[in-house]
PDB file of all heavy atoms in Angstrom:
ATOM      1  N   GLY A   1       0.776  -1.232   0.000  1.00  0.00           N
ATOM      2  CA  GLY A   1       0.000   0.000   0.000  1.00  0.00           C
ATOM      3  C   GLY A   1       0.803   1.275   0.000  1.00  0.00           C
ATOM      4  O   GLY A   1       0.424   2.253   0.664  1.00  0.00           O
ATOM      5  N   VAL A   2       1.907   1.319  -0.766  1.00  0.00           N
ATOM      6  CA  VAL A   2       2.703   2.538  -0.879  1.00  0.00           C
ATOM      7  C   VAL A   2       2.968   2.833  -2.349  1.00  0.00           C
ATOM      8  O   VAL A   2       2.601   2.057  -3.240  1.00  0.00           O
ATOM      9  CB  VAL A   2       4.046   2.422  -0.105  1.00  0.00           C
ATOM     10  CG1 VAL A   2       3.786   2.202   1.374  1.00  0.00           C
ATOM     11  CG2 VAL A   2       4.920   1.309  -0.664  1.00  0.00           C
ATOM     12  N   VAL A   3       3.609   3.955  -2.594  1.00  0.00           N
ATOM     13  CA  VAL A   3       3.985   4.370  -3.946  1.00  0.00           C
ATOM     14  C   VAL A   3       5.400   3.895  -4.245  1.00  0.00           C
ATOM     15  O   VAL A   3       6.270   3.931  -3.369  1.00  0.00           O
ATOM     16  CB  VAL A   3       3.910   5.904  -4.086  1.00  0.00           C
ATOM     17  CG1 VAL A   3       4.446   6.365  -5.442  1.00  0.00           C
ATOM     18  CG2 VAL A   3       2.489   6.394  -3.873  1.00  0.00           C
ATOM     19  N   ALA A   4       5.624   3.453  -5.461  1.00  0.00           N
ATOM     20  CA  ALA A   4       6.985   3.125  -5.904  1.00  0.00           C
ATOM     21  C   ALA A   4       7.156   3.563  -7.344  1.00  0.00           C
ATOM     22  O   ALA A   4       6.195   3.590  -8.122  1.00  0.00           O
ATOM     23  CB  ALA A   4       7.270   1.635  -5.771  1.00  0.00           C
ATOM     24  N   VAL A   5       8.392   3.902  -7.678  1.00  0.00           N
ATOM     25  CA  VAL A   5       8.739   4.307  -9.040  1.00  0.00           C
ATOM     26  C   VAL A   5       9.907   3.462  -9.515  1.00  0.00           C
ATOM     27  O   VAL A   5      10.973   3.462  -8.892  1.00  0.00           O
ATOM     28  CB  VAL A   5       9.126   5.797  -9.124  1.00  0.00           C
ATOM     29  CG1 VAL A   5       9.382   6.194 -10.573  1.00  0.00           C
ATOM     30  CG2 VAL A   5       8.062   6.676  -8.500  1.00  0.00           C
ATOM     31  N   LYS A   6       9.686   2.731 -10.609  1.00  0.00           N
ATOM     32  CA  LYS A   6      10.798   2.096 -11.313  1.00  0.00           C
ATOM     33  C   LYS A   6      11.181   3.038 -12.445  1.00  0.00           C
ATOM     34  O   LYS A   6      10.449   3.174 -13.420  1.00  0.00           O
ATOM     35  CB  LYS A   6      10.404   0.735 -11.894  1.00  0.00           C
ATOM     36  CG  LYS A   6      11.604  -0.014 -12.513  1.00  0.00           C
ATOM     37  CD  LYS A   6      11.185  -1.048 -13.528  1.00  0.00           C
ATOM     38  CE  LYS A   6      10.975  -0.469 -14.903  1.00  0.00           C
ATOM     39  NZ  LYS A   6      12.250  -0.064 -15.565  1.00  0.00           N
ATOM     40  N   PRO A   7      12.290   3.738 -12.334  1.00  0.00           N
ATOM     41  CA  PRO A   7      12.627   4.730 -13.348  1.00  0.00           C
ATOM     42  C   PRO A   7      13.141   4.105 -14.634  1.00  0.00           C
ATOM     43  O   PRO A   7      13.455   2.909 -14.698  1.00  0.00           O
ATOM     44  CB  PRO A   7      13.715   5.565 -12.668  1.00  0.00           C
ATOM     45  CG  PRO A   7      14.347   4.629 -11.689  1.00  0.00           C
ATOM     46  CD  PRO A   7      13.260   3.713 -11.230  1.00  0.00           C
ATOM     47  N   THR A   8      13.245   4.923 -15.653  1.00  0.00           N
ATOM     48  CA  THR A   8      13.894   4.510 -16.893  1.00  0.00           C
ATOM     49  C   THR A   8      15.294   3.981 -16.589  1.00  0.00           C
ATOM     50  O   THR A   8      16.026   4.561 -15.774  1.00  0.00           O
ATOM     51  CB  THR A   8      13.991   5.706 -17.858  1.00  0.00           C
ATOM     52  OG1 THR A   8      12.673   6.076 -18.274  1.00  0.00           O
ATOM     53  CG2 THR A   8      14.835   5.388 -19.077  1.00  0.00           C
ATOM     54  N   LEU A   9      15.667   2.915 -17.232  1.00  0.00           N
ATOM     55  CA  LEU A   9      16.990   2.326 -17.034  1.00  0.00           C
ATOM     56  C   LEU A   9      18.081   3.376 -17.255  1.00  0.00           C
ATOM     57  O   LEU A   9      18.108   4.045 -18.289  1.00  0.00           O
ATOM     58  CB  LEU A   9      17.186   1.167 -18.019  1.00  0.00           C
ATOM     59  CG  LEU A   9      18.453   0.337 -17.827  1.00  0.00           C
ATOM     60  CD1 LEU A   9      18.302  -0.588 -16.635  1.00  0.00           C
ATOM     61  CD2 LEU A   9      18.762  -0.467 -19.087  1.00  0.00           C
ATOM     62  N   GLY A  10      18.958   3.550 -16.265  1.00  0.00           N
ATOM     63  CA  GLY A  10      20.059   4.500 -16.371  1.00  0.00           C
ATOM     64  C   GLY A  10      19.764   5.857 -15.760  1.00  0.00           C
ATOM     65  O   GLY A  10      20.670   6.679 -15.639  1.00  0.00           O
ATOM     66  N   THR A  11      18.521   6.100 -15.363  1.00  0.00           N
ATOM     67  CA  THR A  11      18.206   7.368 -14.695  1.00  0.00           C
ATOM     68  C   THR A  11      18.990   7.476 -13.394  1.00  0.00           C
ATOM     69  O   THR A  11      19.498   8.539 -13.033  1.00  0.00           O
ATOM     70  CB  THR A  11      16.697   7.464 -14.411  1.00  0.00           C
ATOM     71  OG1 THR A  11      15.986   7.325 -15.642  1.00  0.00           O
ATOM     72  CG2 THR A  11      16.340   8.784 -13.757  1.00  0.00           C
ATOM     73  N   VAL A  12      19.080   6.350 -12.679  1.00  0.00           N
ATOM     74  CA  VAL A  12      19.858   6.238 -11.446  1.00  0.00           C
ATOM     75  C   VAL A  12      21.029   5.304 -11.700  1.00  0.00           C
ATOM     76  O   VAL A  12      20.856   4.223 -12.276  1.00  0.00           O
ATOM     77  CB  VAL A  12      18.986   5.684 -10.296  1.00  0.00           C
ATOM     78  CG1 VAL A  12      19.804   5.516  -9.024  1.00  0.00           C
ATOM     79  CG2 VAL A  12      17.783   6.595 -10.052  1.00  0.00           C
ATOM     80  N   SER A  13      22.216   5.700 -11.294  1.00  0.00           N
ATOM     81  CA  SER A  13      23.394   4.857 -11.501  1.00  0.00           C
ATOM     82  C   SER A  13      23.258   3.544 -10.731  1.00  0.00           C
ATOM     83  O   SER A  13      22.764   3.497  -9.606  1.00  0.00           O
ATOM     84  CB  SER A  13      24.655   5.580 -11.033  1.00  0.00           C
ATOM     85  OG  SER A  13      25.769   4.698 -11.070  1.00  0.00           O
ATOM     86  N   ARG A  14      23.763   2.456 -11.353  1.00  0.00           N
ATOM     87  CA  ARG A  14      23.727   1.133 -10.720  1.00  0.00           C
ATOM     88  C   ARG A  14      25.050   0.794 -10.051  1.00  0.00           C
ATOM     89  O   ARG A  14      25.185  -0.285  -9.475  1.00  0.00           O
ATOM     90  CB  ARG A  14      23.380   0.087 -11.769  1.00  0.00           C
ATOM     91  CG  ARG A  14      22.029   0.311 -12.426  1.00  0.00           C
ATOM     92  CD  ARG A  14      21.879  -0.444 -13.720  1.00  0.00           C
ATOM     93  NE  ARG A  14      22.878   0.000 -14.693  1.00  0.00           N
ATOM     94  CZ  ARG A  14      22.980  -0.498 -15.924  1.00  0.00           C
ATOM     95  NH1 ARG A  14      22.153  -1.433 -16.327  1.00  0.00           N
ATOM     96  NH2 ARG A  14      23.905  -0.054 -16.749  1.00  0.00           N
ATOM     97  N   ARG A  15      26.019   1.695 -10.099  1.00  0.00           N
ATOM     98  CA  ARG A  15      27.298   1.421  -9.457  1.00  0.00           C
ATOM     99  C   ARG A  15      27.106   1.207  -7.958  1.00  0.00           C
ATOM    100  O   ARG A  15      26.522   2.014  -7.267  1.00  0.00           O
ATOM    101  CB  ARG A  15      28.269   2.588  -9.701  1.00  0.00           C
ATOM    102  CG  ARG A  15      29.568   2.488  -8.909  1.00  0.00           C
ATOM    103  CD  ARG A  15      30.605   3.503  -9.375  1.00  0.00           C
ATOM    104  NE  ARG A  15      30.123   4.866  -9.325  1.00  0.00           N
ATOM    105  CZ  ARG A  15      30.226   5.679  -8.271  1.00  0.00           C
ATOM    106  NH1 ARG A  15      30.765   5.225  -7.139  1.00  0.00           N
ATOM    107  NH2 ARG A  15      29.784   6.929  -8.329  1.00  0.00           N
ATOM    108  N   GLY A  16      27.604   0.077  -7.466  1.00  0.00           N
ATOM    109  CA  GLY A  16      27.506  -0.219  -6.057  1.00  0.00           C
ATOM    110  C   GLY A  16      26.209  -0.881  -5.640  1.00  0.00           C
ATOM    111  O   GLY A  16      25.907  -0.931  -4.445  1.00  0.00           O
ATOM    112  N   VAL A  17      25.447  -1.398  -6.593  1.00  0.00           N
ATOM    113  CA  VAL A  17      24.221  -2.134  -6.290  1.00  0.00           C
ATOM    114  C   VAL A  17      24.425  -3.585  -6.713  1.00  0.00           C
ATOM    115  O   VAL A  17      24.828  -3.851  -7.847  1.00  0.00           O
ATOM    116  CB  VAL A  17      23.003  -1.532  -7.019  1.00  0.00           C
ATOM    117  CG1 VAL A  17      21.744  -2.346  -6.703  1.00  0.00           C
ATOM    118  CG2 VAL A  17      22.809  -0.067  -6.629  1.00  0.00           C
ATOM    119  N   VAL A  18      24.158  -4.522  -5.817  1.00  0.00           N
ATOM    120  CA  VAL A  18      24.315  -5.936  -6.142  1.00  0.00           C
ATOM    121  C   VAL A  18      23.429  -6.259  -7.345  1.00  0.00           C
ATOM    122  O   VAL A  18      22.216  -6.023  -7.300  1.00  0.00           O
ATOM    123  CB  VAL A  18      23.943  -6.827  -4.950  1.00  0.00           C
ATOM    124  CG1 VAL A  18      24.151  -8.296  -5.301  1.00  0.00           C
ATOM    125  CG2 VAL A  18      24.764  -6.457  -3.714  1.00  0.00           C
ATOM    126  N   PRO A  19      23.987  -6.790  -8.422  1.00  0.00           N
ATOM    127  CA  PRO A  19      23.231  -6.899  -9.676  1.00  0.00           C
ATOM    128  C   PRO A  19      22.485  -8.219  -9.851  1.00  0.00           C
ATOM    129  O   PRO A  19      22.793  -9.229  -9.222  1.00  0.00           O
ATOM    130  CB  PRO A  19      24.339  -6.795 -10.725  1.00  0.00           C
ATOM    131  CG  PRO A  19      25.505  -7.496 -10.077  1.00  0.00           C
ATOM    132  CD  PRO A  19      25.412  -7.152  -8.599  1.00  0.00           C
ATOM    133  N   ILE A  20      21.487  -8.178 -10.731  1.00  0.00           N
ATOM    134  CA  ILE A  20      20.984  -9.370 -11.401  1.00  0.00           C
ATOM    135  C   ILE A  20      21.338  -9.262 -12.876  1.00  0.00           C
ATOM    136  O   ILE A  20      22.048 -10.093 -13.406  1.00  0.00           O
ATOM    137  CB  ILE A  20      19.464  -9.549 -11.211  1.00  0.00           C
ATOM    138  CG1 ILE A  20      19.145  -9.928  -9.758  1.00  0.00           C
ATOM    139  CG2 ILE A  20      18.934 -10.640 -12.152  1.00  0.00           C
ATOM    140  CD1 ILE A  20      17.673 -10.155  -9.502  1.00  0.00           C
ATOM    141  N   ALA A  21      20.849  -8.192 -13.529  1.00  0.00           N
ATOM    142  CA  ALA A  21      21.062  -8.093 -14.974  1.00  0.00           C
ATOM    143  C   ALA A  21      21.101  -6.633 -15.399  1.00  0.00           C
ATOM    144  O   ALA A  21      20.150  -5.885 -15.141  1.00  0.00           O
ATOM    145  CB  ALA A  21      19.954  -8.826 -15.723  1.00  0.00           C
ATOM    146  N   HIS A  22      22.182  -6.260 -16.089  1.00  0.00           N
ATOM    147  CA  HIS A  22      22.361  -4.856 -16.446  1.00  0.00           C
ATOM    148  C   HIS A  22      21.321  -4.360 -17.445  1.00  0.00           C
ATOM    149  O   HIS A  22      21.105  -3.152 -17.564  1.00  0.00           O
ATOM    150  CB  HIS A  22      23.776  -4.619 -16.990  1.00  0.00           C
ATOM    151  CG  HIS A  22      24.100  -5.419 -18.212  1.00  0.00           C
ATOM    152  ND1 HIS A  22      24.747  -6.635 -18.160  1.00  0.00           N
ATOM    153  CD2 HIS A  22      23.861  -5.179 -19.520  1.00  0.00           C
ATOM    154  CE1 HIS A  22      24.901  -7.105 -19.379  1.00  0.00           C
ATOM    155  NE2 HIS A  22      24.372  -6.242 -20.229  1.00  0.00           N
ATOM    156  N   SER A  23      20.670  -5.253 -18.184  1.00  0.00           N
ATOM    157  CA  SER A  23      19.648  -4.816 -19.137  1.00  0.00           C
ATOM    158  C   SER A  23      18.373  -4.355 -18.459  1.00  0.00           C
ATOM    159  O   SER A  23      17.540  -3.684 -19.091  1.00  0.00           O
ATOM    160  CB  SER A  23      19.301  -5.952 -20.113  1.00  0.00           C
ATOM    161  OG  SER A  23      20.372  -6.226 -20.983  1.00  0.00           O
ATOM    162  N   GLN A  24      18.192  -4.720 -17.168  1.00  0.00           N
ATOM    163  CA  GLN A  24      16.922  -4.419 -16.512  1.00  0.00           C
ATOM    164  C   GLN A  24      17.060  -3.820 -15.111  1.00  0.00           C
ATOM    165  O   GLN A  24      16.100  -3.266 -14.585  1.00  0.00           O
ATOM    166  CB  GLN A  24      16.059  -5.693 -16.431  1.00  0.00           C
ATOM    167  CG  GLN A  24      15.683  -6.244 -17.789  1.00  0.00           C
ATOM    168  CD  GLN A  24      14.786  -7.466 -17.738  1.00  0.00           C
ATOM    169  OE1 GLN A  24      14.745  -8.258 -18.672  1.00  0.00           O
ATOM    170  NE2 GLN A  24      14.050  -7.647 -16.669  1.00  0.00           N
ATOM    171  N   ASP A  25      18.214  -3.910 -14.465  1.00  0.00           N
ATOM    172  CA  ASP A  25      18.359  -3.480 -13.079  1.00  0.00           C
ATOM    173  C   ASP A  25      18.249  -1.965 -12.913  1.00  0.00           C
ATOM    174  O   ASP A  25      18.844  -1.200 -13.681  1.00  0.00           O
ATOM    175  CB  ASP A  25      19.733  -3.888 -12.531  1.00  0.00           C
ATOM    176  CG  ASP A  25      19.846  -5.365 -12.260  1.00  0.00           C
ATOM    177  OD1 ASP A  25      18.822  -6.070 -12.316  1.00  0.00           O
ATOM    178  OD2 ASP A  25      20.974  -5.825 -11.978  1.00  0.00           O
ATOM    179  N   THR A  26      17.539  -1.550 -11.870  1.00  0.00           N
ATOM    180  CA  THR A  26      17.535  -0.147 -11.473  1.00  0.00           C
ATOM    181  C   THR A  26      17.093  -0.028 -10.027  1.00  0.00           C
ATOM    182  O   THR A  26      16.314  -0.849  -9.533  1.00  0.00           O
ATOM    183  CB  THR A  26      16.605   0.707 -12.351  1.00  0.00           C
ATOM    184  OG1 THR A  26      16.681   2.081 -11.936  1.00  0.00           O
ATOM    185  CG2 THR A  26      15.157   0.259 -12.251  1.00  0.00           C
ATOM    186  N   ALA A  27      17.591   0.975  -9.343  1.00  0.00           N
ATOM    187  CA  ALA A  27      17.071   1.346  -8.040  1.00  0.00           C
ATOM    188  C   ALA A  27      15.934   2.332  -8.233  1.00  0.00           C
ATOM    189  O   ALA A  27      15.826   2.995  -9.277  1.00  0.00           O
ATOM    190  CB  ALA A  27      18.163   1.967  -7.173  1.00  0.00           C
ATOM    191  N   GLY A  28      15.069   2.437  -7.210  1.00  0.00           N
ATOM    192  CA  GLY A  28      13.967   3.380  -7.291  1.00  0.00           C
ATOM    193  C   GLY A  28      13.416   3.698  -5.915  1.00  0.00           C
ATOM    194  O   GLY A  28      13.704   3.001  -4.942  1.00  0.00           O
ATOM    195  N   PRO A  29      12.598   4.758  -5.819  1.00  0.00           N
ATOM    196  CA  PRO A  29      12.096   5.225  -4.527  1.00  0.00           C
ATOM    197  C   PRO A  29      10.789   4.573  -4.112  1.00  0.00           C
ATOM    198  O   PRO A  29       9.976   4.160  -4.951  1.00  0.00           O
ATOM    199  CB  PRO A  29      11.879   6.720  -4.773  1.00  0.00           C
ATOM    200  CG  PRO A  29      11.474   6.772  -6.221  1.00  0.00           C
ATOM    201  CD  PRO A  29      12.251   5.689  -6.909  1.00  0.00           C
ATOM    202  N   MET A  30      10.571   4.514  -2.802  1.00  0.00           N
ATOM    203  CA  MET A  30       9.299   4.119  -2.210  1.00  0.00           C
ATOM    204  C   MET A  30       8.915   5.179  -1.187  1.00  0.00           C
ATOM    205  O   MET A  30       9.767   5.667  -0.446  1.00  0.00           O
ATOM    206  CB  MET A  30       9.407   2.753  -1.539  1.00  0.00           C
ATOM    207  CG  MET A  30       9.560   1.610  -2.521  1.00  0.00           C
ATOM    208  SD  MET A  30       9.703   0.025  -1.659  1.00  0.00           S
ATOM    209  CE  MET A  30       9.265  -1.116  -2.973  1.00  0.00           C
ATOM    210  N   ALA A  31       7.619   5.524  -1.134  1.00  0.00           N
ATOM    211  CA  ALA A  31       7.143   6.575  -0.246  1.00  0.00           C
ATOM    212  C   ALA A  31       5.649   6.423  -0.067  1.00  0.00           C
ATOM    213  O   ALA A  31       5.013   5.563  -0.685  1.00  0.00           O
ATOM    214  CB  ALA A  31       7.490   7.950  -0.823  1.00  0.00           C
ATOM    215  N   THR A  32       5.068   7.291   0.750  1.00  0.00           N
ATOM    216  CA  THR A  32       3.626   7.237   0.967  1.00  0.00           C
ATOM    217  C   THR A  32       2.861   8.129   0.005  1.00  0.00           C
ATOM    218  O   THR A  32       1.632   8.134   0.026  1.00  0.00           O
ATOM    219  CB  THR A  32       3.273   7.640   2.409  1.00  0.00           C
ATOM    220  OG1 THR A  32       3.810   8.940   2.676  1.00  0.00           O
ATOM    221  CG2 THR A  32       3.844   6.635   3.406  1.00  0.00           C
ATOM    222  N   SER A  33       3.540   8.879  -0.826  1.00  0.00           N
ATOM    223  CA  SER A  33       2.874   9.718  -1.816  1.00  0.00           C
ATOM    224  C   SER A  33       3.742   9.822  -3.055  1.00  0.00           C
ATOM    225  O   SER A  33       4.956   9.598  -3.010  1.00  0.00           O
ATOM    226  CB  SER A  33       2.609  11.120  -1.254  1.00  0.00           C
ATOM    227  OG  SER A  33       3.820  11.855  -1.150  1.00  0.00           O
ATOM    228  N   VAL A  34       3.093  10.182  -4.158  1.00  0.00           N
ATOM    229  CA  VAL A  34       3.827  10.341  -5.411  1.00  0.00           C
ATOM    230  C   VAL A  34       4.844  11.472  -5.299  1.00  0.00           C
ATOM    231  O   VAL A  34       5.981  11.353  -5.774  1.00  0.00           O
ATOM    232  CB  VAL A  34       2.848  10.599  -6.575  1.00  0.00           C
ATOM    233  CG1 VAL A  34       3.610  10.930  -7.860  1.00  0.00           C
ATOM    234  CG2 VAL A  34       1.943   9.386  -6.796  1.00  0.00           C
ATOM    235  N   ALA A  35       4.465  12.576  -4.658  1.00  0.00           N
ATOM    236  CA  ALA A  35       5.378  13.712  -4.543  1.00  0.00           C
ATOM    237  C   ALA A  35       6.614  13.348  -3.743  1.00  0.00           C
ATOM    238  O   ALA A  35       7.731  13.740  -4.092  1.00  0.00           O
ATOM    239  CB  ALA A  35       4.653  14.891  -3.892  1.00  0.00           C
ATOM    240  N   ASP A  36       6.443  12.589  -2.658  1.00  0.00           N
ATOM    241  CA  ASP A  36       7.591  12.171  -1.859  1.00  0.00           C
ATOM    242  C   ASP A  36       8.516  11.267  -2.675  1.00  0.00           C
ATOM    243  O   ASP A  36       9.739  11.397  -2.642  1.00  0.00           O
ATOM    244  CB  ASP A  36       7.118  11.415  -0.623  1.00  0.00           C
ATOM    245  CG  ASP A  36       6.396  12.306   0.377  1.00  0.00           C
ATOM    246  OD1 ASP A  36       5.887  13.364  -0.027  1.00  0.00           O
ATOM    247  OD2 ASP A  36       6.330  11.931   1.559  1.00  0.00           O
ATOM    248  N   ALA A  37       7.912  10.321  -3.402  1.00  0.00           N
ATOM    249  CA  ALA A  37       8.714   9.411  -4.222  1.00  0.00           C
ATOM    250  C   ALA A  37       9.465  10.172  -5.309  1.00  0.00           C
ATOM    251  O   ALA A  37      10.631   9.885  -5.600  1.00  0.00           O
ATOM    252  CB  ALA A  37       7.818   8.337  -4.843  1.00  0.00           C
ATOM    253  N   ALA A  38       8.793  11.149  -5.911  1.00  0.00           N
ATOM    254  CA  ALA A  38       9.433  11.940  -6.956  1.00  0.00           C
ATOM    255  C   ALA A  38      10.623  12.721  -6.411  1.00  0.00           C
ATOM    256  O   ALA A  38      11.674  12.824  -7.056  1.00  0.00           O
ATOM    257  CB  ALA A  38       8.421  12.893  -7.578  1.00  0.00           C
ATOM    258  N   LEU A  39      10.468  13.278  -5.211  1.00  0.00           N
ATOM    259  CA  LEU A  39      11.566  14.026  -4.604  1.00  0.00           C
ATOM    260  C   LEU A  39      12.778  13.131  -4.383  1.00  0.00           C
ATOM    261  O   LEU A  39      13.917  13.509  -4.691  1.00  0.00           O
ATOM    262  CB  LEU A  39      11.104  14.630  -3.291  1.00  0.00           C
ATOM    263  CG  LEU A  39      12.165  15.426  -2.521  1.00  0.00           C
ATOM    264  CD1 LEU A  39      12.578  16.656  -3.296  1.00  0.00           C
ATOM    265  CD2 LEU A  39      11.645  15.810  -1.146  1.00  0.00           C
ATOM    266  N   LEU A  40      12.543  11.940  -3.857  1.00  0.00           N
ATOM    267  CA  LEU A  40      13.653  11.012  -3.629  1.00  0.00           C
ATOM    268  C   LEU A  40      14.306  10.624  -4.948  1.00  0.00           C
ATOM    269  O   LEU A  40      15.533  10.547  -5.045  1.00  0.00           O
ATOM    270  CB  LEU A  40      13.153   9.775  -2.883  1.00  0.00           C
ATOM    271  CG  LEU A  40      14.176   8.687  -2.558  1.00  0.00           C
ATOM    272  CD1 LEU A  40      15.374   9.241  -1.807  1.00  0.00           C
ATOM    273  CD2 LEU A  40      13.513   7.565  -1.759  1.00  0.00           C
ATOM    274  N   LEU A  41      13.490  10.396  -5.979  1.00  0.00           N
ATOM    275  CA  LEU A  41      14.054  10.042  -7.284  1.00  0.00           C
ATOM    276  C   LEU A  41      14.877  11.189  -7.858  1.00  0.00           C
ATOM    277  O   LEU A  41      15.951  10.964  -8.437  1.00  0.00           O
ATOM    278  CB  LEU A  41      12.928   9.661  -8.237  1.00  0.00           C
ATOM    279  CG  LEU A  41      13.348   9.285  -9.664  1.00  0.00           C
ATOM    280  CD1 LEU A  41      14.343   8.124  -9.661  1.00  0.00           C
ATOM    281  CD2 LEU A  41      12.125   8.946 -10.517  1.00  0.00           C
ATOM    282  N   GLN A  42      14.404  12.420  -7.695  1.00  0.00           N
ATOM    283  CA  GLN A  42      15.161  13.569  -8.200  1.00  0.00           C
ATOM    284  C   GLN A  42      16.559  13.619  -7.577  1.00  0.00           C
ATOM    285  O   GLN A  42      17.534  13.961  -8.252  1.00  0.00           O
ATOM    286  CB  GLN A  42      14.400  14.862  -7.902  1.00  0.00           C
ATOM    287  CG  GLN A  42      13.174  15.076  -8.767  1.00  0.00           C
ATOM    288  CD  GLN A  42      12.319  16.229  -8.278  1.00  0.00           C
ATOM    289  OE1 GLN A  42      12.216  16.478  -7.077  1.00  0.00           O
ATOM    290  NE2 GLN A  42      11.692  16.944  -9.198  1.00  0.00           N
ATOM    291  N   VAL A  43      16.643  13.285  -6.296  1.00  0.00           N
ATOM    292  CA  VAL A  43      17.940  13.312  -5.620  1.00  0.00           C
ATOM    293  C   VAL A  43      18.832  12.166  -6.099  1.00  0.00           C
ATOM    294  O   VAL A  43      20.028  12.351  -6.344  1.00  0.00           O
ATOM    295  CB  VAL A  43      17.746  13.251  -4.095  1.00  0.00           C
ATOM    296  CG1 VAL A  43      19.076  13.030  -3.383  1.00  0.00           C
ATOM    297  CG2 VAL A  43      17.094  14.539  -3.596  1.00  0.00           C
TER     298      VAL A  43
END
């Protein structure tokens, strides 16, 4: 029951994240609102 954003591949660097597959891996934000998630993604 929260908001999450899977961004476009490469929007967030994957350096230092334990990988599965470079064609699909990305980090993304989770929050209780879209605005909060967007702010975290912007950073």
